[in-house]
């Protein structure tokens, strides 16, 4: 039986378990590296917190993370980490392990949300969510291809994949 824990503690435990499984799944993972400024577990936790936080921008998130979750991360470190190809490879490996953990947990409890749709058994099902945010005040103006004479600001949209696949 699972004991009650805070969301922050659950995320931390899940990230650690997923990371341990990802490291164990590969003989010599090329993406594994120690980063003193922002370790990989911290990066994953911040990413998950960013997805579930009600904030208006990345900067607003970092301020909220420090105030609410007591997570401190310099702006430049956080935003440079988001562009790292190594971190992308690490996230892909950890995501697969995270998916496996959730699949195992759901299966052990007999949970199958698509059970009543047998016609989907032959397909990989993607479940995703997203949002659209107005442009940030510091966003540079650009000329859209449809109207090159007009300068406007780029809005931000984000699609978050909840489950990579549901297999039967």
Foldseek 3Di string as FASTA:
>chain_A
DDDDDDPLVVLLVLLVQLLVVLCVVDPDDPLDDQDVQAGLSNLSSLVVQVVPDDAQDPVRSQVCCCVPVVDHHDPVRNVVLVVDPSSVSSCVSSLVSSLVVVLVVCVVVVHDPCPVPVVCQVDWDWDKDKDWHQADPPFDWAQDPVGNVDTDGDTDIDMGTPHRTDHD
